[in-house]
Protein backbone atom coordinates (compact mmCIF):
# COMPACT_ATOMS: atom_id res chain seq x y z
CA MET A 1 77.69 53.57 71.32
CA THR A 2 80.19 50.94 72.40
CA ASP A 3 79.97 49.29 75.79
CA THR A 4 83.09 49.87 77.85
CA PRO A 5 84.63 47.21 80.05
CA ALA A 6 83.69 47.46 83.71
CA LYS A 7 87.30 47.37 84.82
CA ILE A 8 90.74 47.51 83.25
CA GLU A 9 93.69 46.40 85.34
CA PHE A 10 97.38 47.17 84.90
CA GLN A 11 100.37 45.54 86.54
CA PRO A 12 103.32 47.81 87.34
CA ILE A 13 106.52 46.72 85.61
CA GLY A 14 108.75 48.73 87.90
CA VAL A 15 109.08 51.81 90.07
CA ILE A 16 110.45 55.28 89.36
CA HIS A 17 112.87 56.87 91.85
CA THR A 18 113.40 60.64 91.84
CA PRO A 19 114.47 63.41 94.24
CA PHE A 20 110.82 64.49 94.64
CA LYS A 21 109.30 63.12 97.86
CA GLU A 22 106.34 65.55 97.85
CA ARG A 23 104.20 66.85 95.00
CA ALA A 24 104.57 70.51 95.97
CA GLY A 25 107.69 72.07 94.48
CA MET A 26 108.43 69.52 91.77
CA PRO A 27 108.61 70.39 88.06
CA ILE A 28 105.30 70.19 86.22
CA GLN A 29 106.77 68.85 82.95
CA PRO A 30 110.08 67.23 81.89
CA SER A 31 111.28 70.53 80.39
CA GLY A 32 110.96 72.02 83.88
CA GLY A 33 113.10 69.20 85.25
CA SER A 34 115.95 69.83 82.83
CA GLY A 35 119.12 68.22 84.17
CA LEU A 36 117.40 66.58 87.15
CA GLN A 37 118.17 62.87 87.38
CA GLY A 38 116.40 59.78 88.63
CA THR A 39 116.29 56.05 88.09
CA VAL A 40 113.75 53.54 86.90
CA GLU A 41 113.89 50.13 88.54
CA VAL A 42 112.39 47.55 86.20
CA TYR A 43 111.21 44.43 88.04
CA SER A 44 113.28 41.32 87.26
CA GLU A 45 110.49 39.50 85.38
CA PHE A 46 110.34 42.36 82.83
CA ARG A 47 114.06 43.08 82.38
CA GLU A 48 114.45 40.98 79.24
CA GLY A 49 112.24 43.57 77.55
CA LEU A 50 114.98 46.19 78.05
CA SER A 51 117.10 44.53 75.35
CA ASP A 52 118.07 47.06 72.63
CA LEU A 53 116.63 50.04 74.54
CA ASP A 54 120.11 51.42 75.26
CA GLY A 55 120.40 52.61 71.65
CA PHE A 56 117.76 55.31 72.24
CA SER A 57 118.57 58.73 73.67
CA HIS A 58 115.02 59.37 74.94
CA ILE A 59 112.21 57.19 76.22
CA ILE A 60 108.55 57.65 77.04
CA LEU A 61 107.54 56.58 80.54
CA LEU A 62 103.90 55.78 81.23
CA TYR A 63 103.05 55.64 84.90
CA CYS A 64 100.30 55.83 87.48
CA PHE A 65 99.68 59.02 89.48
CA HIS A 66 99.58 56.86 92.62
CA ARG A 67 99.01 59.66 95.15
CA ILE A 68 96.14 61.36 93.36
CA GLU A 69 92.57 60.83 94.48
CA GLY A 70 89.50 61.75 92.48
CA PHE A 71 89.16 64.17 89.61
CA LYS A 72 87.20 67.17 88.37
CA LEU A 73 86.28 67.80 84.76
CA ARG A 74 87.22 71.48 85.12
CA VAL A 75 90.52 72.42 86.75
CA VAL A 76 92.76 75.45 87.17
CA PRO A 77 96.05 74.20 85.70
CA PHE A 78 99.47 75.15 87.08
CA LEU A 79 100.16 77.55 84.21
CA ASP A 80 96.84 79.40 84.38
CA THR A 81 94.33 81.07 86.67
CA VAL A 82 91.26 80.19 84.59
CA PRO A 83 89.29 76.93 84.98
CA ARG A 84 89.87 74.72 81.93
CA GLY A 85 88.39 71.46 80.70
CA LEU A 86 90.43 68.63 82.21
CA PHE A 87 91.25 67.07 78.86
CA SER A 88 92.77 70.34 77.59
CA THR A 89 95.29 70.17 80.47
CA ARG A 90 97.93 67.84 81.82
CA ALA A 91 96.58 68.03 85.35
CA PRO A 92 97.30 64.80 87.26
CA THR A 93 93.75 64.41 88.61
CA ARG A 94 92.15 62.32 85.88
CA PRO A 95 89.50 59.58 85.58
CA ASN A 96 92.39 57.23 84.77
CA PRO A 97 95.44 58.67 86.57
CA ILE A 98 98.00 57.89 83.87
CA GLY A 99 101.05 60.08 83.47
CA LEU A 100 103.46 60.40 80.55
CA SER A 101 106.96 61.84 80.48
CA VAL A 102 109.60 61.95 77.76
CA VAL A 103 112.97 61.67 79.50
CA ARG A 104 116.59 61.32 78.43
CA LEU A 105 117.99 57.82 78.88
CA LEU A 106 121.52 58.06 80.31
CA GLY A 107 122.21 54.35 80.71
CA ILE A 108 120.97 50.92 81.72
CA GLU A 109 122.62 48.55 84.16
CA ASP A 110 121.14 45.48 85.87
CA GLY A 111 117.56 46.53 85.14
CA ILE A 112 118.08 50.08 86.40
CA LEU A 113 117.60 52.91 83.92
CA ARG A 114 119.35 56.19 84.68
CA ILE A 115 117.22 59.04 83.39
CA GLU A 116 117.37 62.82 83.19
CA ASN A 117 114.81 65.65 82.94
CA VAL A 118 112.46 64.10 85.49
CA ASP A 119 109.15 65.53 86.65
CA ILE A 120 107.88 62.43 88.46
CA LEU A 121 107.18 61.79 92.13
CA ASP A 122 109.48 59.31 93.90
CA GLY A 123 108.00 55.82 94.21
CA THR A 124 105.71 56.17 91.19
CA PRO A 125 104.59 52.83 89.72
CA LEU A 126 105.82 52.35 86.15
CA LEU A 127 103.28 50.98 83.67
CA ASP A 128 105.25 50.94 80.42
CA ILE A 129 108.33 52.17 78.57
CA LYS A 130 108.40 53.12 74.90
CA PRO A 131 111.27 54.49 72.82
CA TYR A 132 110.91 58.10 71.72
CA VAL A 133 111.36 58.18 67.95
CA LEU A 134 111.65 61.60 66.35
CA GLU A 135 110.15 60.44 63.06
CA PHE A 136 107.13 58.94 64.86
CA ASP A 137 106.60 61.33 67.76
CA ALA A 138 107.61 64.83 66.64
CA GLN A 139 104.77 66.65 64.93
CA THR A 140 104.74 69.71 62.70
CA GLU A 141 102.10 72.42 62.40
CA VAL A 142 101.17 72.02 66.07
CA ARG A 143 98.59 74.23 67.79
CA THR A 144 98.65 74.41 71.60
CA GLY A 145 95.34 76.11 72.35
CA TRP A 146 95.21 78.11 75.58
CA LEU A 147 98.84 77.11 76.31
CA GLU A 148 100.19 79.07 73.32
CA GLU A 149 101.59 81.88 75.50
CA VAL A 150 101.74 80.49 79.03
CA GLY A 151 103.41 77.23 77.96
CA LYS A 152 106.66 79.11 77.48
CA LYS A 153 106.86 79.57 81.26
CA VAL A 154 106.85 75.85 82.06
CA SER A 155 110.55 75.63 82.92
CA GLN A 156 110.11 78.11 85.80
CA LYS A 157 106.83 76.70 87.16
CA ARG A 158 106.69 74.23 90.04
CA SER A 159 103.75 72.25 91.33
CA ASP A 160 101.80 73.27 94.39
CA ASN A 161 99.15 71.51 96.46
CA ARG A 162 96.20 72.14 94.11
CA PHE A 163 96.15 68.52 92.87
């Protein structure tokens, strides 16, 4: 068994701005936020890294669930009524509260990214940006476990106060 580091630290590279001031009522996945827009403010010391990003239609945002405290290894996810193992869900209460969203990139100007299909709380610290590449990221022969049927309802589901 490998020893794990005692602590891993991340520095935010920016902040995500969205219409969602409270967790309750916001989309639970980007597909549920279809058409909803926001911005990503990249801090000035990281803006050089945005070079060439404007050629991509979609990007992956990695961020910190900054208003989540604690976690449970079994949760009742938004799309279910049955307790599930945390790692078979996308519940925001996690040992390392890292979120991931694939959003449409509408444009970049002066270090501000205009994005669409947002499911992120306003003021969320941004950890990283990666381009979404169909040939790298899209998978075939995918199984979705317990989400096979209920996952189709994601566009109508909104978050509540359970997390």
